[in-house]
Amino acid sequence: MATEQKHSNYLSEAESRLRQLPPEKLRVAVAMIAYLQKTEESEATEKLLLNIPDFAEYFLEIEQNEDELQNTSSNQIASDEEVLQAYLAVEKKWEEVFIQLADS
């Protein structure tokens, strides 16, 4: 209950201070709040994903596959079947990650 009260007090103080700002500084304050929120969400997502067994390995493998595709010379064209198989392999890896995410 004390935490909720502190939270409410902080919100009231923030609102009071924000109402006193001129529009251009209010815009900066909103941008800062958005940045803090995005950072918090990113950190939470990163912690969640890194707790999934083998997620880091799957992610690195996918990045390496992307690097290999980018380093392929432009005159080398894959067949439709090769492209399909590569796509299915990546989809399978991501499906495994999503299943582990859902189970955690």
PDB file of N, CA and C in Angstrom:
ATOM      1  N   MET A   1       0.821  -1.197   0.000  1.00  0.00           N
ATOM      2  CA  MET A   1       0.000   0.000   0.000  1.00  0.00           C
ATOM      3  C   MET A   1       0.865   1.260   0.000  1.00  0.00           C
ATOM      4  N   ALA A   2       1.975   1.228   0.765  1.00  0.00           N
ATOM      5  CA  ALA A   2       2.875   2.376   0.819  1.00  0.00           C
ATOM      6  C   ALA A   2       3.488   2.646  -0.549  1.00  0.00           C
ATOM      7  N   THR A   3       3.776   1.591  -1.290  1.00  0.00           N
ATOM      8  CA  THR A   3       4.347   1.745  -2.631  1.00  0.00           C
ATOM      9  C   THR A   3       3.354   2.423  -3.561  1.00  0.00           C
ATOM     10  N   GLU A   4       2.080   2.037  -3.455  1.00  0.00           N
ATOM     11  CA  GLU A   4       1.048   2.665  -4.285  1.00  0.00           C
ATOM     12  C   GLU A   4       0.922   4.151  -3.953  1.00  0.00           C
ATOM     13  N   GLN A   5       1.038   4.482  -2.685  1.00  0.00           N
ATOM     14  CA  GLN A   5       0.936   5.878  -2.265  1.00  0.00           C
ATOM     15  C   GLN A   5       2.115   6.683  -2.816  1.00  0.00           C
ATOM     16  N   LYS A   6       3.322   6.114  -2.734  1.00  0.00           N
ATOM     17  CA  LYS A   6       4.495   6.796  -3.280  1.00  0.00           C
ATOM     18  C   LYS A   6       4.314   7.011  -4.782  1.00  0.00           C
ATOM     19  N   HIS A   7       3.845   5.974  -5.457  1.00  0.00           N
ATOM     20  CA  HIS A   7       3.619   6.054  -6.898  1.00  0.00           C
ATOM     21  C   HIS A   7       2.631   7.177  -7.212  1.00  0.00           C
ATOM     22  N   SER A   8       1.557   7.221  -6.476  1.00  0.00           N
ATOM     23  CA  SER A   8       0.541   8.255  -6.677  1.00  0.00           C
ATOM     24  C   SER A   8       1.116   9.647  -6.417  1.00  0.00           C
ATOM     25  N   ASN A   9       1.931   9.764  -5.363  1.00  0.00           N
ATOM     26  CA  ASN A   9       2.563  11.050  -5.050  1.00  0.00           C
ATOM     27  C   ASN A   9       3.493  11.490  -6.177  1.00  0.00           C
ATOM     28  N   TYR A  10       4.281  10.553  -6.703  1.00  0.00           N
ATOM     29  CA  TYR A  10       5.188  10.884  -7.802  1.00  0.00           C
ATOM     30  C   TYR A  10       4.412  11.341  -9.030  1.00  0.00           C
ATOM     31  N   LEU A  11       3.312  10.640  -9.323  1.00  0.00           N
ATOM     32  CA  LEU A  11       2.498  11.025 -10.475  1.00  0.00           C
ATOM     33  C   LEU A  11       1.906  12.419 -10.289  1.00  0.00           C
ATOM     34  N   SER A  12       1.432  12.706  -9.100  1.00  0.00           N
ATOM     35  CA  SER A  12       0.850  14.029  -8.832  1.00  0.00           C
ATOM     36  C   SER A  12       1.908  15.115  -8.964  1.00  0.00           C
ATOM     37  N   GLU A  13       3.087  14.861  -8.412  1.00  0.00           N
ATOM     38  CA  GLU A  13       4.173  15.842  -8.505  1.00  0.00           C
ATOM     39  C   GLU A  13       4.590  16.042  -9.959  1.00  0.00           C
ATOM     40  N   ALA A  14       4.707  14.942 -10.711  1.00  0.00           N
ATOM     41  CA  ALA A  14       5.100  15.039 -12.118  1.00  0.00           C
ATOM     42  C   ALA A  14       4.065  15.837 -12.910  1.00  0.00           C
ATOM     43  N   GLU A  15       2.794  15.544 -12.669  1.00  0.00           N
ATOM     44  CA  GLU A  15       1.743  16.264 -13.383  1.00  0.00           C
ATOM     45  C   GLU A  15       1.786  17.756 -13.053  1.00  0.00           C
ATOM     46  N   SER A  16       1.970  18.065 -11.788  1.00  0.00           N
ATOM     47  CA  SER A  16       2.033  19.465 -11.376  1.00  0.00           C
ATOM     48  C   SER A  16       3.196  20.187 -12.061  1.00  0.00           C
ATOM     49  N   ARG A  17       4.346  19.541 -12.070  1.00  0.00           N
ATOM     50  CA  ARG A  17       5.518  20.156 -12.700  1.00  0.00           C
ATOM     51  C   ARG A  17       5.345  20.280 -14.213  1.00  0.00           C
ATOM     52  N   LEU A  18       4.778  19.252 -14.842  1.00  0.00           N
ATOM     53  CA  LEU A  18       4.574  19.283 -16.286  1.00  0.00           C
ATOM     54  C   LEU A  18       3.619  20.407 -16.691  1.00  0.00           C
ATOM     55  N   ARG A  19       2.603  20.640 -15.891  1.00  0.00           N
ATOM     56  CA  ARG A  19       1.629  21.704 -16.202  1.00  0.00           C
ATOM     57  C   ARG A  19       2.267  23.089 -16.159  1.00  0.00           C
ATOM     58  N   GLN A  20       3.385  23.231 -15.448  1.00  0.00           N
ATOM     59  CA  GLN A  20       4.043  24.533 -15.320  1.00  0.00           C
ATOM     60  C   GLN A  20       5.044  24.807 -16.447  1.00  0.00           C
ATOM     61  N   LEU A  21       5.327  23.810 -17.250  1.00  0.00           N
ATOM     62  CA  LEU A  21       6.316  23.973 -18.316  1.00  0.00           C
ATOM     63  C   LEU A  21       5.721  24.638 -19.548  1.00  0.00           C
ATOM     64  N   PRO A  22       6.543  25.445 -20.235  1.00  0.00           N
ATOM     65  CA  PRO A  22       6.089  25.973 -21.521  1.00  0.00           C
ATOM     66  C   PRO A  22       6.057  24.831 -22.546  1.00  0.00           C
ATOM     67  N   PRO A  23       5.289  24.993 -23.617  1.00  0.00           N
ATOM     68  CA  PRO A  23       5.092  23.900 -24.586  1.00  0.00           C
ATOM     69  C   PRO A  23       6.383  23.276 -25.118  1.00  0.00           C
ATOM     70  N   GLU A  24       7.386  24.080 -25.446  1.00  0.00           N
ATOM     71  CA  GLU A  24       8.612  23.511 -26.014  1.00  0.00           C
ATOM     72  C   GLU A  24       9.361  22.638 -24.999  1.00  0.00           C
ATOM     73  N   LYS A  25       9.337  23.020 -23.730  1.00  0.00           N
ATOM     74  CA  LYS A  25       9.989  22.201 -22.704  1.00  0.00           C
ATOM     75  C   LYS A  25       9.127  20.996 -22.335  1.00  0.00           C
ATOM     76  N   LEU A  26       7.830  21.138 -22.436  1.00  0.00           N
ATOM     77  CA  LEU A  26       6.929  20.010 -22.203  1.00  0.00           C
ATOM     78  C   LEU A  26       7.179  18.922 -23.250  1.00  0.00           C
ATOM     79  N   ARG A  27       7.400  19.352 -24.481  1.00  0.00           N
ATOM     80  CA  ARG A  27       7.700  18.400 -25.558  1.00  0.00           C
ATOM     81  C   ARG A  27       8.986  17.628 -25.254  1.00  0.00           C
ATOM     82  N   VAL A  28      10.001  18.313 -24.721  1.00  0.00           N
ATOM     83  CA  VAL A  28      11.258  17.656 -24.347  1.00  0.00           C
ATOM     84  C   VAL A  28      11.018  16.670 -23.201  1.00  0.00           C
ATOM     85  N   ALA A  29      10.214  17.081 -22.228  1.00  0.00           N
ATOM     86  CA  ALA A  29       9.918  16.206 -21.091  1.00  0.00           C
ATOM     87  C   ALA A  29       9.198  14.942 -21.551  1.00  0.00           C
ATOM     88  N   VAL A  30       8.262  15.087 -22.454  1.00  0.00           N
ATOM     89  CA  VAL A  30       7.529  13.929 -22.985  1.00  0.00           C
ATOM     90  C   VAL A  30       8.486  13.002 -23.726  1.00  0.00           C
ATOM     91  N   ALA A  31       9.398  13.586 -24.484  1.00  0.00           N
ATOM     92  CA  ALA A  31      10.379  12.771 -25.206  1.00  0.00           C
ATOM     93  C   ALA A  31      11.270  12.000 -24.227  1.00  0.00           C
ATOM     94  N   MET A  32      11.653  12.637 -23.133  1.00  0.00           N
ATOM     95  CA  MET A  32      12.481  11.970 -22.122  1.00  0.00           C
ATOM     96  C   MET A  32      11.707  10.829 -21.459  1.00  0.00           C
ATOM     97  N   ILE A  33      10.447  11.069 -21.160  1.00  0.00           N
ATOM     98  CA  ILE A  33       9.617  10.025 -20.554  1.00  0.00           C
ATOM     99  C   ILE A  33       9.474   8.851 -21.517  1.00  0.00           C
ATOM    100  N   ALA A  34       9.253   9.148 -22.787  1.00  0.00           N
ATOM    101  CA  ALA A  34       9.129   8.089 -23.798  1.00  0.00           C
ATOM    102  C   ALA A  34      10.425   7.288 -23.890  1.00  0.00           C
ATOM    103  N   TYR A  35      11.558   7.987 -23.833  1.00  0.00           N
ATOM    104  CA  TYR A  35      12.856   7.298 -23.874  1.00  0.00           C
ATOM    105  C   TYR A  35      13.014   6.381 -22.663  1.00  0.00           C
ATOM    106  N   LEU A  36      12.684   6.878 -21.479  1.00  0.00           N
ATOM    107  CA  LEU A  36      12.791   6.060 -20.270  1.00  0.00           C
ATOM    108  C   LEU A  36      11.894   4.830 -20.354  1.00  0.00           C
ATOM    109  N   GLN A  37      10.699   5.019 -20.855  1.00  0.00           N
ATOM    110  CA  GLN A  37       9.761   3.901 -20.993  1.00  0.00           C
ATOM    111  C   GLN A  37      10.295   2.882 -21.989  1.00  0.00           C
ATOM    112  N   LYS A  38      10.792   3.348 -23.122  1.00  0.00           N
ATOM    113  CA  LYS A  38      11.320   2.436 -24.149  1.00  0.00           C
ATOM    114  C   LYS A  38      12.527   1.670 -23.600  1.00  0.00           C
ATOM    115  N   THR A  39      13.397   2.342 -22.870  1.00  0.00           N
ATOM    116  CA  THR A  39      14.568   1.695 -22.282  1.00  0.00           C
ATOM    117  C   THR A  39      14.143   0.624 -21.299  1.00  0.00           C
ATOM    118  N   GLU A  40      13.156   0.928 -20.484  1.00  0.00           N
ATOM    119  CA  GLU A  40      12.653  -0.033 -19.500  1.00  0.00           C
ATOM    120  C   GLU A  40      12.075  -1.259 -20.198  1.00  0.00           C
ATOM    121  N   GLU A  41      11.295  -1.029 -21.253  1.00  0.00           N
ATOM    122  CA  GLU A  41      10.707  -2.139 -22.001  1.00  0.00           C
ATOM    123  C   GLU A  41      11.783  -2.985 -22.665  1.00  0.00           C
ATOM    124  N   SER A  42      12.793  -2.321 -23.220  1.00  0.00           N
ATOM    125  CA  SER A  42      13.881  -3.049 -23.887  1.00  0.00           C
ATOM    126  C   SER A  42      14.646  -3.909 -22.898  1.00  0.00           C
ATOM    127  N   GLU A  43      14.939  -3.350 -21.722  1.00  0.00           N
ATOM    128  CA  GLU A  43      15.666  -4.101 -20.699  1.00  0.00           C
ATOM    129  C   GLU A  43      14.857  -5.304 -20.227  1.00  0.00           C
ATOM    130  N   ALA A  44      13.560  -5.106 -20.025  1.00  0.00           N
ATOM    131  CA  ALA A  44      12.704  -6.206 -19.578  1.00  0.00           C
ATOM    132  C   ALA A  44      12.632  -7.300 -20.642  1.00  0.00           C
ATOM    133  N   THR A  45      12.506  -6.897 -21.893  1.00  0.00           N
ATOM    134  CA  THR A  45      12.454  -7.869 -22.988  1.00  0.00           C
ATOM    135  C   THR A  45      13.766  -8.633 -23.082  1.00  0.00           C
ATOM    136  N   GLU A  46      14.868  -7.908 -22.980  1.00  0.00           N
ATOM    137  CA  GLU A  46      16.181  -8.554 -23.062  1.00  0.00           C
ATOM    138  C   GLU A  46      16.363  -9.568 -21.941  1.00  0.00           C
ATOM    139  N   LYS A  47      15.997  -9.191 -20.726  1.00  0.00           N
ATOM    140  CA  LYS A  47      16.118 -10.125 -19.601  1.00  0.00           C
ATOM    141  C   LYS A  47      15.254 -11.363 -19.825  1.00  0.00           C
ATOM    142  N   LEU A  48      14.047 -11.152 -20.306  1.00  0.00           N
ATOM    143  CA  LEU A  48      13.134 -12.265 -20.556  1.00  0.00           C
ATOM    144  C   LEU A  48      13.695 -13.198 -21.619  1.00  0.00           C
ATOM    145  N   LEU A  49      14.165 -12.626 -22.724  1.00  0.00           N
ATOM    146  CA  LEU A  49      14.674 -13.444 -23.815  1.00  0.00           C
ATOM    147  C   LEU A  49      15.943 -14.191 -23.413  1.00  0.00           C
ATOM    148  N   LEU A  50      16.807 -13.547 -22.653  1.00  0.00           N
ATOM    149  CA  LEU A  50      18.056 -14.200 -22.261  1.00  0.00           C
ATOM    150  C   LEU A  50      17.830 -15.317 -21.252  1.00  0.00           C
ATOM    151  N   ASN A  51      16.675 -15.345 -20.617  1.00  0.00           N
ATOM    152  CA  ASN A  51      16.347 -16.434 -19.691  1.00  0.00           C
ATOM    153  C   ASN A  51      15.829 -17.673 -20.413  1.00  0.00           C
ATOM    154  N   ILE A  52      15.544 -17.544 -21.689  1.00  0.00           N
ATOM    155  CA  ILE A  52      15.083 -18.697 -22.460  1.00  0.00           C
ATOM    156  C   ILE A  52      16.305 -19.549 -22.791  1.00  0.00           C
ATOM    157  N   PRO A  53      16.257 -20.832 -22.449  1.00  0.00           N
ATOM    158  CA  PRO A  53      17.405 -21.699 -22.753  1.00  0.00           C
ATOM    159  C   PRO A  53      17.736 -21.674 -24.248  1.00  0.00           C
ATOM    160  N   ASP A  54      18.984 -21.519 -24.555  1.00  0.00           N
ATOM    161  CA  ASP A  54      19.522 -21.557 -25.929  1.00  0.00           C
ATOM    162  C   ASP A  54      19.093 -20.382 -26.802  1.00  0.00           C
ATOM    163  N   PHE A  55      18.425 -19.368 -26.247  1.00  0.00           N
ATOM    164  CA  PHE A  55      17.994 -18.251 -27.082  1.00  0.00           C
ATOM    165  C   PHE A  55      19.191 -17.530 -27.690  1.00  0.00           C
ATOM    166  N   ALA A  56      20.219 -17.268 -26.877  1.00  0.00           N
ATOM    167  CA  ALA A  56      21.387 -16.543 -27.378  1.00  0.00           C
ATOM    168  C   ALA A  56      22.022 -17.298 -28.543  1.00  0.00           C
ATOM    169  N   GLU A  57      22.100 -18.625 -28.425  1.00  0.00           N
ATOM    170  CA  GLU A  57      22.692 -19.425 -29.497  1.00  0.00           C
ATOM    171  C   GLU A  57      21.843 -19.356 -30.772  1.00  0.00           C
ATOM    172  N   TYR A  58      20.512 -19.466 -30.623  1.00  0.00           N
ATOM    173  CA  TYR A  58      19.624 -19.359 -31.782  1.00  0.00           C
ATOM    174  C   TYR A  58      19.789 -17.990 -32.450  1.00  0.00           C
ATOM    175  N   PHE A  59      19.824 -16.960 -31.638  1.00  0.00           N
ATOM    176  CA  PHE A  59      19.929 -15.605 -32.163  1.00  0.00           C
ATOM    177  C   PHE A  59      21.237 -15.423 -32.927  1.00  0.00           C
ATOM    178  N   LEU A  60      22.358 -15.888 -32.336  1.00  0.00           N
ATOM    179  CA  LEU A  60      23.650 -15.772 -33.010  1.00  0.00           C
ATOM    180  C   LEU A  60      23.668 -16.563 -34.315  1.00  0.00           C
ATOM    181  N   GLU A  61      23.059 -17.726 -34.296  1.00  0.00           N
ATOM    182  CA  GLU A  61      23.007 -18.549 -35.504  1.00  0.00           C
ATOM    183  C   GLU A  61      22.232 -17.834 -36.608  1.00  0.00           C
ATOM    184  N   ILE A  62      21.133 -17.221 -36.250  1.00  0.00           N
ATOM    185  CA  ILE A  62      20.335 -16.490 -37.234  1.00  0.00           C
ATOM    186  C   ILE A  62      21.118 -15.296 -37.769  1.00  0.00           C
ATOM    187  N   GLU A  63      21.808 -14.575 -36.881  1.00  0.00           N
ATOM    188  CA  GLU A  63      22.634 -13.455 -37.325  1.00  0.00           C
ATOM    189  C   GLU A  63      23.728 -13.919 -38.280  1.00  0.00           C
ATOM    190  N   GLN A  64      24.361 -15.051 -37.965  1.00  0.00           N
ATOM    191  CA  GLN A  64      25.412 -15.579 -38.839  1.00  0.00           C
ATOM    192  C   GLN A  64      24.835 -15.958 -40.199  1.00  0.00           C
ATOM    193  N   ASN A  65      23.648 -16.554 -40.198  1.00  0.00           N
ATOM    194  CA  ASN A  65      23.011 -16.900 -41.471  1.00  0.00           C
ATOM    195  C   ASN A  65      22.731 -15.651 -42.295  1.00  0.00           C
ATOM    196  N   GLU A  66      22.302 -14.581 -41.640  1.00  0.00           N
ATOM    197  CA  GLU A  66      22.052 -13.323 -42.343  1.00  0.00           C
ATOM    198  C   GLU A  66      23.349 -12.754 -42.897  1.00  0.00           C
ATOM    199  N   ASP A  67      24.434 -12.818 -42.091  1.00  0.00           N
ATOM    200  CA  ASP A  67      25.734 -12.331 -42.557  1.00  0.00           C
ATOM    201  C   ASP A  67      26.199 -13.115 -43.776  1.00  0.00           C
ATOM    202  N   GLU A  68      26.008 -14.431 -43.756  1.00  0.00           N
ATOM    203  CA  GLU A  68      26.398 -15.268 -44.890  1.00  0.00           C
ATOM    204  C   GLU A  68      25.615 -14.888 -46.131  1.00  0.00           C
ATOM    205  N   LEU A  69      24.322 -14.607 -45.958  1.00  0.00           N
ATOM    206  CA  LEU A  69      23.513 -14.209 -47.110  1.00  0.00           C
ATOM    207  C   LEU A  69      23.971 -12.867 -47.668  1.00  0.00           C
ATOM    208  N   GLN A  70      24.339 -11.936 -46.790  1.00  0.00           N
ATOM    209  CA  GLN A  70      24.785 -10.623 -47.246  1.00  0.00           C
ATOM    210  C   GLN A  70      26.143 -10.705 -47.937  1.00  0.00           C
ATOM    211  N   ASN A  71      26.971 -11.658 -47.524  1.00  0.00           N
ATOM    212  CA  ASN A  71      28.304 -11.794 -48.108  1.00  0.00           C
ATOM    213  C   ASN A  71      28.307 -12.611 -49.393  1.00  0.00           C
ATOM    214  N   THR A  72      27.161 -13.140 -49.783  1.00  0.00           N
ATOM    215  CA  THR A  72      27.059 -13.917 -51.008  1.00  0.00           C
ATOM    216  C   THR A  72      27.156 -12.966 -52.195  1.00  0.00           C
ATOM    217  N   SER A  73      27.941 -13.334 -53.176  1.00  0.00           N
ATOM    218  CA  SER A  73      28.092 -12.460 -54.344  1.00  0.00           C
ATOM    219  C   SER A  73      26.760 -12.365 -55.080  1.00  0.00           C
ATOM    220  N   SER A  74      26.536 -11.227 -55.711  1.00  0.00           N
ATOM    221  CA  SER A  74      25.244 -10.976 -56.352  1.00  0.00           C
ATOM    222  C   SER A  74      25.007 -11.854 -57.569  1.00  0.00           C
ATOM    223  N   ASN A  75      26.073 -12.427 -58.158  1.00  0.00           N
ATOM    224  CA  ASN A  75      25.860 -13.256 -59.336  1.00  0.00           C
ATOM    225  C   ASN A  75      25.529 -14.704 -58.977  1.00  0.00           C
ATOM    226  N   GLN A  76      25.482 -14.997 -57.694  1.00  0.00           N
ATOM    227  CA  GLN A  76      25.157 -16.353 -57.257  1.00  0.00           C
ATOM    228  C   GLN A  76      23.684 -16.367 -56.850  1.00  0.00           C
ATOM    229  N   ILE A  77      22.865 -17.058 -57.604  1.00  0.00           N
ATOM    230  CA  ILE A  77      21.427 -17.059 -57.368  1.00  0.00           C
ATOM    231  C   ILE A  77      21.012 -18.431 -56.857  1.00  0.00           C
ATOM    232  N   ALA A  78      20.270 -18.421 -55.763  1.00  0.00           N
ATOM    233  CA  ALA A  78      19.803 -19.681 -55.182  1.00  0.00           C
ATOM    234  C   ALA A  78      18.543 -20.130 -55.902  1.00  0.00           C
ATOM    235  N   SER A  79      18.350 -21.416 -55.917  1.00  0.00           N
ATOM    236  CA  SER A  79      17.120 -21.948 -56.510  1.00  0.00           C
ATOM    237  C   SER A  79      15.963 -21.692 -55.548  1.00  0.00           C
ATOM    238  N   ASP A  80      14.757 -21.778 -56.068  1.00  0.00           N
ATOM    239  CA  ASP A  80      13.567 -21.589 -55.237  1.00  0.00           C
ATOM    240  C   ASP A  80      13.554 -22.588 -54.086  1.00  0.00           C
ATOM    241  N   GLU A  81      13.974 -23.804 -54.354  1.00  0.00           N
ATOM    242  CA  GLU A  81      13.981 -24.840 -53.319  1.00  0.00           C
ATOM    243  C   GLU A  81      14.974 -24.508 -52.211  1.00  0.00           C
ATOM    244  N   GLU A  82      16.146 -23.983 -52.578  1.00  0.00           N
ATOM    245  CA  GLU A  82      17.144 -23.597 -51.572  1.00  0.00           C
ATOM    246  C   GLU A  82      16.626 -22.460 -50.700  1.00  0.00           C
ATOM    247  N   VAL A  83      15.979 -21.518 -51.328  1.00  0.00           N
ATOM    248  CA  VAL A  83      15.419 -20.383 -50.593  1.00  0.00           C
ATOM    249  C   VAL A  83      14.332 -20.878 -49.648  1.00  0.00           C
ATOM    250  N   LEU A  84      13.479 -21.738 -50.135  1.00  0.00           N
ATOM    251  CA  LEU A  84      12.399 -22.286 -49.312  1.00  0.00           C
ATOM    252  C   LEU A  84      12.971 -23.047 -48.119  1.00  0.00           C
ATOM    253  N   GLN A  85      13.968 -23.873 -48.344  1.00  0.00           N
ATOM    254  CA  GLN A  85      14.566 -24.659 -47.256  1.00  0.00           C
ATOM    255  C   GLN A  85      15.227 -23.752 -46.215  1.00  0.00           C
ATOM    256  N   ALA A  86      15.919 -22.719 -46.667  1.00  0.00           N
ATOM    257  CA  ALA A  86      16.547 -21.775 -45.739  1.00  0.00           C
ATOM    258  C   ALA A  86      15.487 -21.051 -44.918  1.00  0.00           C
ATOM    259  N   TYR A  87      14.416 -20.637 -45.592  1.00  0.00           N
ATOM    260  CA  TYR A  87      13.321 -19.959 -44.906  1.00  0.00           C
ATOM    261  C   TYR A  87      12.685 -20.869 -43.859  1.00  0.00           C
ATOM    262  N   LEU A  88      12.419 -22.103 -44.226  1.00  0.00           N
ATOM    263  CA  LEU A  88      11.803 -23.043 -43.293  1.00  0.00           C
ATOM    264  C   LEU A  88      12.709 -23.320 -42.095  1.00  0.00           C
ATOM    265  N   ALA A  89      14.008 -23.386 -42.319  1.00  0.00           N
ATOM    266  CA  ALA A  89      14.947 -23.610 -41.215  1.00  0.00           C
ATOM    267  C   ALA A  89      14.915 -22.450 -40.233  1.00  0.00           C
ATOM    268  N   VAL A  90      14.885 -21.235 -40.739  1.00  0.00           N
ATOM    269  CA  VAL A  90      14.823 -20.057 -39.866  1.00  0.00           C
ATOM    270  C   VAL A  90      13.494 -20.019 -39.133  1.00  0.00           C
ATOM    271  N   GLU A  91      12.422 -20.295 -39.839  1.00  0.00           N
ATOM    272  CA  GLU A  91      11.097 -20.309 -39.207  1.00  0.00           C
ATOM    273  C   GLU A  91      11.039 -21.346 -38.086  1.00  0.00           C
ATOM    274  N   LYS A  92      11.641 -22.505 -38.311  1.00  0.00           N
ATOM    275  CA  LYS A  92      11.636 -23.549 -37.288  1.00  0.00           C
ATOM    276  C   LYS A  92      12.386 -23.088 -36.047  1.00  0.00           C
ATOM    277  N   LYS A  93      13.524 -22.426 -36.240  1.00  0.00           N
ATOM    278  CA  LYS A  93      14.300 -21.915 -35.101  1.00  0.00           C
ATOM    279  C   LYS A  93      13.472 -20.898 -34.316  1.00  0.00           C
ATOM    280  N   TRP A  94      12.840 -19.963 -35.022  1.00  0.00           N
ATOM    281  CA  TRP A  94      12.036 -18.950 -34.338  1.00  0.00           C
ATOM    282  C   TRP A  94      10.829 -19.582 -33.642  1.00  0.00           C
ATOM    283  N   GLU A  95      10.244 -20.597 -34.251  1.00  0.00           N
ATOM    284  CA  GLU A  95       9.119 -21.277 -33.618  1.00  0.00           C
ATOM    285  C   GLU A  95       9.561 -21.900 -32.298  1.00  0.00           C
ATOM    286  N   GLU A  96      10.757 -22.494 -32.290  1.00  0.00           N
ATOM    287  CA  GLU A  96      11.277 -23.073 -31.047  1.00  0.00           C
ATOM    288  C   GLU A  96      11.483 -21.984 -29.989  1.00  0.00           C
ATOM    289  N   VAL A  97      11.977 -20.845 -30.418  1.00  0.00           N
ATOM    290  CA  VAL A  97      12.178 -19.734 -29.477  1.00  0.00           C
ATOM    291  C   VAL A  97      10.845 -19.261 -28.927  1.00  0.00           C
ATOM    292  N   PHE A  98       9.841 -19.119 -29.787  1.00  0.00           N
ATOM    293  CA  PHE A  98       8.530 -18.651 -29.333  1.00  0.00           C
ATOM    294  C   PHE A  98       7.877 -19.653 -28.383  1.00  0.00           C
ATOM    295  N   ILE A  99       8.052 -20.931 -28.645  1.00  0.00           N
ATOM    296  CA  ILE A  99       7.505 -21.959 -27.751  1.00  0.00           C
ATOM    297  C   ILE A  99       8.173 -21.858 -26.384  1.00  0.00           C
ATOM    298  N   GLN A 100       9.492 -21.698 -26.381  1.00  0.00           N
ATOM    299  CA  GLN A 100      10.195 -21.569 -25.107  1.00  0.00           C
ATOM    300  C   GLN A 100       9.773 -20.292 -24.382  1.00  0.00           C
ATOM    301  N   LEU A 101       9.560 -19.223 -25.147  1.00  0.00           N
ATOM    302  CA  LEU A 101       9.105 -17.968 -24.550  1.00  0.00           C
ATOM    303  C   LEU A 101       7.733 -18.139 -23.922  1.00  0.00           C
ATOM    304  N   ALA A 102       6.840 -18.837 -24.608  1.00  0.00           N
ATOM    305  CA  ALA A 102       5.496 -19.062 -24.088  1.00  0.00           C
ATOM    306  C   ALA A 102       5.524 -19.938 -22.832  1.00  0.00           C
ATOM    307  N   ASP A 103       6.457 -20.871 -22.796  1.00  0.00           N
ATOM    308  CA  ASP A 103       6.551 -21.786 -21.646  1.00  0.00           C
ATOM    309  C   ASP A 103       7.211 -21.142 -20.432  1.00  0.00           C
ATOM    310  N   SER A 104       7.934 -20.039 -20.639  1.00  0.00           N
ATOM    311  CA  SER A 104       8.643 -19.443 -19.499  1.00  0.00           C
ATOM    312  C   SER A 104       7.777 -18.464 -18.743  1.00  0.00           C
TER     313      SER A 104
END
